[in-house]
Amino acid sequence: MPFFKTPQSPFPSGATLLENLEKNKVGHTLKAELYYKYKNESFSKADLRPIFPTHISQSIIDPKTKKRWSVLETRVDTILTYDTKTKVTAQFSIDDVTSDPYDTGYALTLKDSYLKAKPGDAEKVLTTIPGGTRFTVLKYKSGFAEVSFKNYVGFVSVSELITKFDFATYVFANKKWNIVKRRTFDFIETNDGQKISFNNVSGVVAPDQIGIIGSGTQKIPLWSRVELSTRTKPAWIQSQIKGHGTVWWKPLESSEEKIYTIDDLLKKEIASISFHPKDPMKAILSANGVFMTDDGYHWKELKEFKSFNGPVHYFNDLMIFVGNFRSTDHGKTFENYIQIEKLASAIQNEYGFLPKNLQVKRIETVAPYVLKIEVETGHRRIRMQSPLFAQTWSAVKG
């Protein structure tokens, strides 16, 4: 393994076994930096000025305190907020806050846009709205957003606006979170075939690391999607080697864990998905494997559930269910929790037959701490329940 006198040395000053370098380590250097990813290209933060969901949010969340702040003003790198109760103001870096999933945000014109009297391309033009104007949408109709601008109330085509719906990975509608497959004008098409009007959405999960280019003067085209990512440049490790003193060497590159995006998973057939009860940025899903996310966009695969397509359930920060298995450490380890023998015996007592094959098809929890499951017995589906911290199964009536 080659080593160098300094990290700036152009040529090695010697070589030794990797084990010798590892054994005599005395220090290291590591440099991380933020950058933008666009297709197969990388850009520094100085190269691009994308618009992120926090730029068009009406409220944001400080992840350190979990406090929600109302937005007064946003700039490229900072955001000015205030507390509606105390009237205290605070300024944050855009990189240090997250968008509020229960805020549908503002609409922003990316270029000069016509305000129409009615929703339609051929309708009368009331006035022109300058690019960079931010406003609250009153309602959506026929591919247009109704807005109030100066002394006018009129309609702007949604194709000329950027909203949090352009970033959405999930939306809250019909009393549940839904995976977004695509946006079509002023509707969201979901992974399970629903078509939901923007008007019926009351929550939007918009990953804070996904941005959209909002100016035609930048290095990549208007409306391009970019991802803010972190990379660690090769580390230099310092060791003491007899006869050479202090030397520096680069560690061998290790294989990184594959990270999936929600777009990757939408190419699979999603069998089951469950969201954290209080934080929809956190979720677990099964789709020929089991995947978890803590930011609503990037997903890690749980290696022990390869090819799994059964039910999953997110109970809280620690407890997660995958089929018959339960984790109490946020998915790090799992135990066989739903004991088939006890379940089969309970079904025999309740229904008068002993099922030979049992498959758990659905898992949910209800207050106070009751676990409910739907089970396939081979010739019928039945519903059973048990206290969450026991295995005392009984039939769900009704």
Protein backbone atom coordinates (compact mmCIF):
# COMPACT_ATOMS: atom_id res chain seq x y z
CA MET A 1 0.00 0.00 0.00
CA PRO A 2 1.64 3.35 -1.03
CA PHE A 3 2.03 6.21 1.48
CA PHE A 4 3.01 9.88 1.15
CA LYS A 5 4.94 12.46 3.16
CA THR A 6 1.99 14.87 2.96
CA PRO A 7 -1.47 14.80 1.31
CA GLN A 8 -0.04 17.27 -1.25
CA SER A 9 2.89 15.03 -2.25
CA PRO A 10 2.68 14.12 -5.97
CA PHE A 11 4.47 10.78 -5.56
CA PRO A 12 4.55 8.07 -2.87
CA SER A 13 7.52 8.04 -0.50
CA GLY A 14 7.20 4.33 0.20
CA ALA A 15 4.87 1.38 0.60
CA THR A 16 3.92 -1.16 3.26
CA LEU A 17 1.17 -3.62 4.12
CA LEU A 18 -2.30 -2.18 4.70
CA GLU A 19 -2.37 -4.00 8.05
CA ASN A 20 0.75 -2.07 9.13
CA LEU A 21 -0.82 1.26 8.21
CA GLU A 22 -4.09 0.37 9.95
CA LYS A 23 -2.27 -0.77 13.09
CA ASN A 24 -0.31 2.47 13.41
CA LYS A 25 -3.04 5.03 12.62
CA VAL A 26 -2.74 8.32 14.51
CA GLY A 27 -5.21 10.60 12.71
CA HIS A 28 -7.20 11.35 9.56
CA THR A 29 -8.74 14.09 7.42
CA LEU A 30 -12.20 14.00 5.90
CA LYS A 31 -13.85 16.65 3.79
CA ALA A 32 -17.57 16.72 3.00
CA GLU A 33 -19.22 19.14 0.62
CA LEU A 34 -22.69 19.86 -0.73
CA TYR A 35 -23.25 19.68 -4.46
CA TYR A 36 -26.06 19.42 -7.02
CA LYS A 37 -26.74 16.31 -9.11
CA TYR A 38 -28.41 16.70 -12.51
CA LYS A 39 -28.61 13.55 -14.62
CA ASN A 40 -24.95 12.44 -14.81
CA GLU A 41 -23.51 15.87 -14.06
CA SER A 42 -22.35 17.47 -10.80
CA PHE A 43 -22.45 21.18 -9.97
CA SER A 44 -21.13 23.13 -7.02
CA LYS A 45 -23.51 25.19 -4.91
CA ALA A 46 -22.14 28.32 -6.55
CA ASP A 47 -23.10 27.04 -10.02
CA LEU A 48 -26.88 26.81 -9.60
CA ARG A 49 -29.70 28.60 -7.77
CA PRO A 50 -32.60 26.12 -7.68
CA ILE A 51 -35.92 26.70 -5.96
CA PHE A 52 -36.59 24.29 -3.11
CA PRO A 53 -39.91 23.51 -1.36
CA THR A 54 -38.86 25.74 1.56
CA HIS A 55 -38.66 28.72 -0.85
CA ILE A 56 -42.40 28.46 -1.52
CA SER A 57 -43.57 27.35 1.92
CA GLN A 58 -46.01 29.23 4.11
CA SER A 59 -44.59 27.48 7.16
CA ILE A 60 -41.40 25.56 7.89
CA ILE A 61 -40.15 23.29 10.67
CA ASP A 62 -36.94 23.64 12.64
CA PRO A 63 -35.80 19.99 12.82
CA LYS A 64 -33.77 20.64 15.99
CA THR A 65 -36.71 21.87 18.08
CA LYS A 66 -39.58 20.46 15.95
CA LYS A 67 -41.11 23.94 16.16
CA ARG A 68 -43.27 25.23 13.32
CA TRP A 69 -42.55 28.78 12.07
CA SER A 70 -44.57 30.95 9.69
CA VAL A 71 -42.64 32.33 6.72
CA LEU A 72 -42.22 36.09 6.26
CA GLU A 73 -39.65 36.19 3.46
CA THR A 74 -37.33 33.84 1.60
CA ARG A 75 -34.05 34.54 -0.14
CA VAL A 76 -31.67 32.27 -2.02
CA ASP A 77 -29.89 30.98 1.09
CA THR A 78 -31.95 32.24 4.04
CA ILE A 79 -35.52 32.33 5.25
CA LEU A 80 -37.09 34.88 7.65
CA THR A 81 -39.80 33.46 9.89
CA TYR A 82 -42.00 34.43 12.83
CA ASP A 83 -43.92 32.76 15.64
CA THR A 84 -47.63 33.58 15.31
CA LYS A 85 -48.15 33.39 19.08
CA THR A 86 -45.15 35.28 20.43
CA LYS A 87 -44.51 37.44 17.31
CA VAL A 88 -40.81 36.58 17.66
CA THR A 89 -38.89 36.50 14.37
CA ALA A 90 -36.03 34.18 13.47
CA GLN A 91 -33.77 33.73 10.47
CA PHE A 92 -32.61 30.32 9.27
CA SER A 93 -30.40 28.97 6.54
CA ILE A 94 -32.44 27.24 3.84
CA ASP A 95 -30.29 24.13 4.41
CA ASP A 96 -31.18 24.00 8.12
CA VAL A 97 -35.00 23.81 7.92
CA THR A 98 -37.53 21.41 6.46
CA SER A 99 -40.81 22.10 4.71
CA ASP A 100 -44.01 21.53 6.66
CA PRO A 101 -45.90 18.51 5.25
CA TYR A 102 -49.24 19.99 6.37
CA ASP A 103 -48.64 23.20 4.39
CA THR A 104 -49.56 23.25 0.69
CA GLY A 105 -47.44 26.37 0.20
CA TYR A 106 -47.50 29.33 -2.16
CA ALA A 107 -47.47 29.49 -5.95
CA LEU A 108 -44.60 31.27 -7.70
CA THR A 109 -44.40 32.63 -11.24
CA LEU A 110 -41.13 31.70 -12.90
CA LYS A 111 -41.60 34.24 -15.71
CA ASP A 112 -43.99 37.05 -16.66
CA SER A 113 -47.45 35.47 -16.85
CA TYR A 114 -50.89 36.58 -18.00
CA LEU A 115 -53.67 36.91 -15.43
CA LYS A 116 -56.87 35.79 -17.22
CA ALA A 117 -60.46 36.76 -16.40
CA LYS A 118 -61.50 33.10 -16.64
CA PRO A 119 -59.62 29.78 -16.77
CA GLY A 120 -58.71 29.30 -20.41
CA ASP A 121 -55.95 30.14 -22.86
CA ALA A 122 -58.26 32.26 -25.06
CA GLU A 123 -59.81 34.24 -22.20
CA LYS A 124 -59.42 38.00 -21.66
CA VAL A 125 -56.09 39.13 -20.17
CA LEU A 126 -56.56 41.31 -17.07
CA THR A 127 -52.91 42.14 -16.50
CA THR A 128 -49.41 40.68 -16.50
CA ILE A 129 -47.91 39.20 -13.34
CA PRO A 130 -44.12 39.65 -13.14
CA GLY A 131 -41.88 36.62 -12.81
CA GLY A 132 -40.92 35.87 -9.22
CA THR A 133 -44.33 36.84 -7.81
CA ARG A 134 -45.49 34.69 -4.91
CA PHE A 135 -49.13 34.36 -3.85
CA THR A 136 -51.65 32.06 -2.18
CA VAL A 137 -53.87 30.10 -4.54
CA LEU A 138 -57.60 30.55 -3.86
CA LYS A 139 -58.57 27.44 -5.83
CA TYR A 140 -57.61 25.40 -8.86
CA LYS A 141 -59.84 24.97 -11.91
CA SER A 142 -59.35 23.47 -15.38
CA GLY A 143 -55.56 23.61 -15.26
CA PHE A 144 -55.51 27.16 -13.89
CA ALA A 145 -54.94 28.66 -10.44
CA GLU A 146 -57.25 31.40 -9.19
CA VAL A 147 -55.20 34.10 -7.48
CA SER A 148 -55.50 37.62 -6.14
CA PHE A 149 -52.98 40.10 -7.58
CA LYS A 150 -53.14 43.82 -6.81
CA ASN A 151 -56.78 44.81 -7.47
CA TYR A 152 -57.52 41.78 -9.64
CA VAL A 153 -58.77 38.27 -9.04
CA GLY A 154 -58.07 36.03 -12.00
CA PHE A 155 -56.50 32.85 -13.31
CA VAL A 156 -52.93 31.82 -14.15
CA SER A 157 -52.05 28.61 -15.98
CA VAL A 158 -50.48 26.09 -13.60
CA SER A 159 -47.92 25.33 -16.33
CA GLU A 160 -46.44 28.79 -15.61
CA LEU A 161 -46.33 28.32 -11.83
CA ILE A 162 -44.14 26.37 -9.48
CA THR A 163 -45.89 24.93 -6.43
CA LYS A 164 -45.15 22.31 -3.78
CA PHE A 165 -47.14 19.88 -5.94
CA ASP A 166 -44.24 19.97 -8.42
CA PHE A 167 -42.03 18.39 -5.74
CA ALA A 168 -44.60 16.11 -4.10
CA THR A 169 -43.80 12.49 -3.34
CA TYR A 170 -46.95 12.00 -1.20
CA VAL A 171 -50.14 14.01 -0.74
CA PHE A 172 -52.71 13.86 2.05
CA ALA A 173 -56.23 13.42 0.68
CA ASN A 174 -59.23 11.22 1.45
CA LYS A 175 -58.00 10.91 5.05
CA LYS A 176 -54.71 9.22 4.15
CA TRP A 177 -51.29 9.76 2.60
CA ASN A 178 -51.07 8.75 -1.05
CA ILE A 179 -47.97 8.05 -3.16
CA VAL A 180 -47.67 10.48 -6.07
CA LYS A 181 -47.11 8.89 -9.45
CA ARG A 182 -47.28 12.08 -11.51
CA ARG A 183 -48.81 15.55 -11.66
CA THR A 184 -51.22 16.28 -14.53
CA PHE A 185 -52.17 19.96 -14.72
CA ASP A 186 -54.04 20.60 -11.44
CA PHE A 187 -54.48 16.93 -10.52
CA ILE A 188 -52.30 14.40 -8.75
CA GLU A 189 -52.28 10.86 -10.12
CA THR A 190 -51.50 8.40 -7.35
CA ASN A 191 -49.79 5.05 -7.44
CA ASP A 192 -53.09 3.25 -6.77
CA GLY A 193 -54.90 4.87 -9.71
CA GLN A 194 -56.63 7.82 -8.02
CA LYS A 195 -56.87 11.23 -9.65
CA ILE A 196 -56.95 13.89 -6.93
CA SER A 197 -57.61 17.57 -7.50
CA PHE A 198 -55.15 19.99 -5.89
CA ASN A 199 -58.21 21.49 -4.16
CA ASN A 200 -58.70 18.26 -2.20
CA VAL A 201 -55.13 18.01 -0.95
CA SER A 202 -54.38 19.20 2.60
CA GLY A 203 -50.80 17.97 2.95
CA VAL A 204 -47.75 17.62 0.72
CA VAL A 205 -44.52 15.77 1.43
CA ALA A 206 -41.93 17.61 -0.64
CA PRO A 207 -38.32 16.42 -0.12
CA ASP A 208 -36.12 19.35 0.87
CA GLN A 209 -33.13 18.15 -1.16
CA ILE A 210 -34.98 18.23 -4.51
CA GLY A 211 -34.89 21.57 -6.33
CA ILE A 212 -36.20 22.97 -9.61
CA ILE A 213 -34.30 25.43 -11.79
CA GLY A 214 -36.36 28.61 -11.83
CA SER A 215 -34.34 30.76 -14.23
CA GLY A 216 -33.39 30.36 -17.87
CA THR A 217 -30.05 32.06 -17.26
CA GLN A 218 -28.51 29.15 -15.35
CA LYS A 219 -26.25 26.36 -16.62
CA ILE A 220 -29.07 23.86 -17.11
CA PRO A 221 -32.57 24.34 -18.58
CA LEU A 222 -35.53 25.97 -16.84
CA TRP A 223 -37.69 23.44 -14.92
CA SER A 224 -34.81 20.96 -14.60
CA ARG A 225 -34.92 18.92 -11.39
CA VAL A 226 -31.72 18.75 -9.34
CA GLU A 227 -30.82 16.95 -6.14
CA LEU A 228 -28.81 18.50 -3.33
CA SER A 229 -26.43 15.83 -2.09
CA THR A 230 -23.41 15.45 0.13
CA ARG A 231 -20.20 13.82 -0.93
CA THR A 232 -17.12 13.07 1.08
CA LYS A 233 -13.89 13.56 -0.76
CA PRO A 234 -11.28 10.80 -0.32
CA ALA A 235 -9.98 10.83 3.23
CA TRP A 236 -6.30 10.93 4.10
CA ILE A 237 -5.28 8.79 7.05
CA GLN A 238 -2.17 9.53 9.09
CA SER A 239 0.05 6.73 10.41
CA GLN A 240 3.43 6.42 12.16
CA ILE A 241 5.74 4.07 10.21
CA LYS A 242 9.15 3.07 11.57
CA GLY A 243 11.90 4.62 9.46
CA HIS A 244 9.52 7.06 7.77
CA GLY A 245 7.89 8.89 10.67
CA THR A 246 4.48 10.38 9.99
CA VAL A 247 3.01 9.38 6.62
CA TRP A 248 -0.31 9.85 4.86
CA TRP A 249 -2.31 7.31 2.82
CA LYS A 250 -5.69 6.97 1.12
CA PRO A 251 -8.05 4.22 2.30
CA LEU A 252 -9.44 1.78 -0.22
CA GLU A 253 -12.88 2.69 -1.53
CA SER A 254 -15.61 0.66 0.06
CA SER A 255 -18.83 -0.29 -1.66
CA GLU A 256 -21.64 2.08 -0.66
CA GLU A 257 -25.11 0.95 0.33
CA LYS A 258 -27.54 1.37 -2.57
CA ILE A 259 -30.06 4.13 -1.98
CA TYR A 260 -33.37 4.06 -3.86
CA THR A 261 -35.51 7.09 -4.70
CA ILE A 262 -39.31 7.07 -4.68
CA ASP A 263 -39.08 7.17 -8.49
CA ASP A 264 -37.08 3.91 -8.41
CA LEU A 265 -39.71 2.24 -6.23
CA LEU A 266 -42.60 3.41 -8.40
CA LYS A 267 -41.15 1.20 -11.13
CA LYS A 268 -41.93 -1.75 -8.87
CA GLU A 269 -45.40 -2.88 -7.82
CA ILE A 270 -45.93 -1.49 -4.33
CA ALA A 271 -47.71 -4.05 -2.16
CA SER A 272 -48.03 -2.13 1.11
CA ILE A 273 -46.98 1.22 2.56
CA SER A 274 -47.27 2.73 6.02
CA PHE A 275 -46.35 6.18 7.31
CA HIS A 276 -45.09 7.30 10.70
CA PRO A 277 -48.22 8.45 12.61
CA LYS A 278 -46.84 11.97 13.19
CA ASP A 279 -44.13 12.46 10.56
CA PRO A 280 -45.06 11.51 6.98
CA MET A 281 -41.44 12.04 5.90
CA LYS A 282 -40.83 8.64 7.56
CA ALA A 283 -42.36 5.58 5.94
CA ILE A 284 -41.91 1.90 5.20
CA LEU A 285 -43.11 0.00 2.14
CA SER A 286 -42.93 -3.43 0.55
CA ALA A 287 -42.32 -3.86 -3.18
CA ASN A 288 -40.45 -7.10 -3.87
CA GLY A 289 -38.42 -6.20 -0.79
CA VAL A 290 -38.86 -3.83 2.15
CA PHE A 291 -37.65 -0.22 2.08
CA MET A 292 -37.59 2.58 4.66
CA THR A 293 -37.21 6.35 4.37
CA ASP A 294 -36.59 9.14 6.87
CA ASP A 295 -36.83 12.02 4.39
CA GLY A 296 -39.70 11.06 2.08
CA TYR A 297 -37.47 10.54 -0.96
CA HIS A 298 -34.41 8.34 -0.29
CA TRP A 299 -35.10 4.73 0.70
CA LYS A 300 -32.84 2.04 2.19
CA GLU A 301 -33.59 -1.63 1.68
CA LEU A 302 -33.94 -4.00 4.65
CA LYS A 303 -31.75 -6.86 3.49
CA GLU A 304 -33.50 -9.55 5.55
CA PHE A 305 -36.75 -9.14 3.61
CA LYS A 306 -35.65 -9.80 0.03
CA SER A 307 -38.61 -10.39 -2.33
CA PHE A 308 -41.14 -9.63 0.46
CA ASN A 309 -44.53 -8.33 -0.74
CA GLY A 310 -46.58 -8.53 2.43
CA PRO A 311 -48.03 -5.96 4.85
CA VAL A 312 -45.96 -3.36 6.72
CA HIS A 313 -46.94 -1.03 9.55
CA TYR A 314 -45.16 1.96 11.11
CA PHE A 315 -46.30 2.23 14.75
CA ASN A 316 -43.83 4.80 16.14
CA ASP A 317 -40.17 5.84 16.08
CA LEU A 318 -39.10 2.48 17.44
CA MET A 319 -41.77 -0.11 16.64
CA ILE A 320 -42.26 -1.30 13.06
CA PHE A 321 -44.05 -4.40 11.72
CA VAL A 322 -43.14 -6.38 8.59
CA GLY A 323 -45.45 -9.35 8.11
CA ASN A 324 -45.08 -11.63 11.13
CA PHE A 325 -41.99 -9.74 12.31
CA ARG A 326 -41.59 -6.76 14.61
CA SER A 327 -38.73 -4.34 15.23
CA THR A 328 -38.39 -2.32 18.40
CA ASP A 329 -35.26 -0.43 17.33
CA HIS A 330 -36.41 1.41 14.18
CA GLY A 331 -35.75 -1.45 11.80
CA LYS A 332 -32.22 -2.35 12.88
CA THR A 333 -33.27 -5.83 14.05
CA PHE A 334 -36.48 -7.87 13.81
CA GLU A 335 -38.04 -10.68 15.85
CA ASN A 336 -40.75 -13.17 14.90
CA TYR A 337 -43.63 -11.49 16.72
CA ILE A 338 -46.95 -12.84 15.38
CA GLN A 339 -46.79 -16.48 16.44
CA ILE A 340 -48.74 -18.54 13.90
CA GLU A 341 -49.45 -21.38 16.34
CA LYS A 342 -51.16 -19.08 18.84
CA LEU A 343 -53.03 -17.32 16.06
CA ALA A 344 -54.24 -20.61 14.57
CA SER A 345 -55.39 -21.81 17.98
CA ALA A 346 -57.31 -18.57 18.56
CA ILE A 347 -59.00 -18.91 15.14
CA GLN A 348 -60.03 -22.46 16.02
CA ASN A 349 -61.57 -21.23 19.29
CA GLU A 350 -63.35 -18.33 17.63
CA TYR A 351 -64.47 -19.90 14.33
CA GLY A 352 -64.45 -23.65 14.97
CA PHE A 353 -61.83 -24.71 12.43
CA LEU A 354 -58.06 -25.08 12.52
CA PRO A 355 -56.45 -23.34 9.53
CA LYS A 356 -53.61 -25.26 7.92
CA ASN A 357 -52.08 -22.21 6.19
CA LEU A 358 -52.06 -18.66 7.50
CA GLN A 359 -50.82 -15.51 5.83
CA VAL A 360 -51.00 -12.06 7.38
CA LYS A 361 -52.36 -9.70 4.71
CA ARG A 362 -52.88 -6.46 6.62
CA ILE A 363 -51.59 -4.89 9.85
CA GLU A 364 -52.83 -1.83 11.72
CA THR A 365 -52.92 -0.49 15.26
CA VAL A 366 -55.72 1.35 17.01
CA ALA A 367 -55.83 3.13 20.34
CA PRO A 368 -55.18 2.18 23.02
CA TYR A 369 -52.41 -0.20 21.90
CA VAL A 370 -54.46 -2.77 19.99
CA LEU A 371 -52.96 -4.67 17.06
CA LYS A 372 -55.41 -5.62 14.31
CA ILE A 373 -54.56 -7.96 11.45
CA GLU A 374 -56.34 -9.44 8.44
CA VAL A 375 -55.45 -13.08 7.83
CA GLU A 376 -55.83 -15.35 4.82
CA THR A 377 -56.71 -18.87 5.99
CA GLY A 378 -56.81 -20.56 2.58
CA HIS A 379 -60.55 -20.31 1.91
CA ARG A 380 -61.54 -17.07 3.67
CA ARG A 381 -60.14 -13.89 5.15
CA ILE A 382 -60.77 -13.09 8.77
CA ARG A 383 -59.82 -10.23 11.07
CA MET A 384 -58.19 -10.75 14.45
CA GLN A 385 -56.95 -8.46 17.20
CA SER A 386 -54.67 -8.63 20.21
CA PRO A 387 -53.20 -6.27 22.80
CA LEU A 388 -50.09 -4.80 21.21
CA PHE A 389 -47.72 -6.15 23.85
CA ALA A 390 -49.24 -9.65 24.11
CA GLN A 391 -50.40 -12.57 21.97
CA THR A 392 -54.02 -12.83 23.11
CA TRP A 393 -55.95 -13.07 19.85
CA SER A 394 -59.69 -12.65 19.44
CA ALA A 395 -62.00 -12.11 16.47
CA VAL A 396 -62.80 -8.59 15.30
CA LYS A 397 -66.55 -8.30 15.38
CA GLY A 398 -68.50 -6.37 12.75
